[in-house]
Amino acid sequence: MPKIYHYTKLETALEYIFPTMTLRTNFLNNMNDPKEKELWTFGEINISYKNIYPDTYSNQTHIAHQ
């Protein structure tokens, strides 16, 4: 199962997230984390992993790069 990480205050988690087991999100272009706002691509669909990670990509690291 994929993992989702969400940083929040304990009080917020206890009051809102855990009782409903839901997270409210914004559109990606409105997120406040610099990495979330960057344009990115799914490797191997339109850019090869070998081109994205030329210094670290190998057959052994293929899954890690995904």
C-alpha atoms as a PDB file:
ATOM      1  CA  MET A   1       0.000   0.000   0.000  1.00  0.00           C
ATOM      2  CA  PRO A   2       1.405   3.469  -0.862  1.00  0.00           C
ATOM      3  CA  LYS A   3       2.284   5.782   1.991  1.00  0.00           C
ATOM      4  CA  ILE A   4       1.234   9.385   2.394  1.00  0.00           C
ATOM      5  CA  TYR A   5       3.075  11.641   4.803  1.00  0.00           C
ATOM      6  CA  HIS A   6       1.343  14.584   6.396  1.00  0.00           C
ATOM      7  CA  TYR A   7       2.934  16.877   8.972  1.00  0.00           C
ATOM      8  CA  THR A   8       0.520  18.434  11.419  1.00  0.00           C
ATOM      9  CA  LYS A   9       0.034  19.214  15.092  1.00  0.00           C
ATOM     10  CA  LEU A  10      -0.931  16.328  17.346  1.00  0.00           C
ATOM     11  CA  GLU A  11      -4.077  18.158  18.394  1.00  0.00           C
ATOM     12  CA  THR A  12      -5.174  18.529  14.763  1.00  0.00           C
ATOM     13  CA  ALA A  13      -4.572  14.846  14.099  1.00  0.00           C
ATOM     14  CA  LEU A  14      -6.518  13.780  17.171  1.00  0.00           C
ATOM     15  CA  GLU A  15      -9.414  16.159  16.590  1.00  0.00           C
ATOM     16  CA  TYR A  16      -9.887  16.010  12.820  1.00  0.00           C
ATOM     17  CA  ILE A  17      -7.800  13.401  10.998  1.00  0.00           C
ATOM     18  CA  PHE A  18      -8.027  10.257  13.135  1.00  0.00           C
ATOM     19  CA  PRO A  19     -11.788  10.383  13.813  1.00  0.00           C
ATOM     20  CA  THR A  20     -12.631  10.650  10.107  1.00  0.00           C
ATOM     21  CA  MET A  21      -9.489   8.931   8.696  1.00  0.00           C
ATOM     22  CA  THR A  22      -9.368  11.592   5.972  1.00  0.00           C
ATOM     23  CA  LEU A  23      -6.947  14.307   4.903  1.00  0.00           C
ATOM     24  CA  ARG A  24      -8.000  17.536   3.267  1.00  0.00           C
ATOM     25  CA  THR A  25      -5.605  18.723   0.599  1.00  0.00           C
ATOM     26  CA  ASN A  26      -5.210  21.648  -1.713  1.00  0.00           C
ATOM     27  CA  PHE A  27      -4.353  21.761  -5.398  1.00  0.00           C
ATOM     28  CA  LEU A  28      -0.651  20.979  -5.914  1.00  0.00           C
ATOM     29  CA  ASN A  29       0.082  24.451  -7.278  1.00  0.00           C
ATOM     30  CA  ASN A  30      -1.255  25.970  -4.029  1.00  0.00           C
ATOM     31  CA  MET A  31       0.839  23.811  -1.688  1.00  0.00           C
ATOM     32  CA  ASN A  32       3.354  25.625   0.497  1.00  0.00           C
ATOM     33  CA  ASP A  33       6.165  23.051   0.299  1.00  0.00           C
ATOM     34  CA  PRO A  34       8.650  24.108  -2.404  1.00  0.00           C
ATOM     35  CA  LYS A  35       9.007  20.532  -3.702  1.00  0.00           C
ATOM     36  CA  GLU A  36       5.232  20.128  -3.979  1.00  0.00           C
ATOM     37  CA  LYS A  37       4.962  23.225  -6.172  1.00  0.00           C
ATOM     38  CA  GLU A  38       7.670  22.170  -8.651  1.00  0.00           C
ATOM     39  CA  LEU A  39       6.811  20.698 -12.003  1.00  0.00           C
ATOM     40  CA  TRP A  40       7.832  17.057 -12.065  1.00  0.00           C
ATOM     41  CA  THR A  41       7.460  14.017 -14.221  1.00  0.00           C
ATOM     42  CA  PHE A  42       6.837  10.336 -13.856  1.00  0.00           C
ATOM     43  CA  GLY A  43      10.117   8.756 -14.874  1.00  0.00           C
ATOM     44  CA  GLU A  44      10.117   6.303 -17.762  1.00  0.00           C
ATOM     45  CA  ILE A  45       6.910   7.815 -19.134  1.00  0.00           C
ATOM     46  CA  ASN A  46       8.277  10.968 -20.692  1.00  0.00           C
ATOM     47  CA  ILE A  47      11.826  11.131 -19.275  1.00  0.00           C
ATOM     48  CA  SER A  48      14.045   8.118 -18.694  1.00  0.00           C
ATOM     49  CA  TYR A  49      15.311   7.457 -15.171  1.00  0.00           C
ATOM     50  CA  LYS A  50      18.786   7.257 -16.687  1.00  0.00           C
ATOM     51  CA  ASN A  51      18.416  10.898 -17.754  1.00  0.00           C
ATOM     52  CA  ILE A  52      16.851  12.070 -14.484  1.00  0.00           C
ATOM     53  CA  TYR A  53      19.452  10.355 -12.257  1.00  0.00           C
ATOM     54  CA  PRO A  54      22.545   9.924 -14.449  1.00  0.00           C
ATOM     55  CA  ASP A  55      24.971   9.674 -11.521  1.00  0.00           C
ATOM     56  CA  THR A  56      23.087   7.104  -9.469  1.00  0.00           C
ATOM     57  CA  TYR A  57      20.932   5.081 -11.853  1.00  0.00           C
ATOM     58  CA  SER A  58      21.789   1.431 -12.453  1.00  0.00           C
ATOM     59  CA  ASN A  59      19.937  -1.857 -12.828  1.00  0.00           C
ATOM     60  CA  GLN A  60      20.385  -2.371  -9.078  1.00  0.00           C
ATOM     61  CA  THR A  61      18.895   1.032  -8.169  1.00  0.00           C
ATOM     62  CA  HIS A  62      16.045   0.979 -10.694  1.00  0.00           C
ATOM     63  CA  ILE A  63      13.306   0.235  -8.144  1.00  0.00           C
ATOM     64  CA  ALA A  64      14.658   2.817  -5.694  1.00  0.00           C
ATOM     65  CA  HIS A  65      14.499   5.464  -8.419  1.00  0.00           C
ATOM     66  CA  GLN A  66      10.853   4.688  -9.039  1.00  0.00           C
END
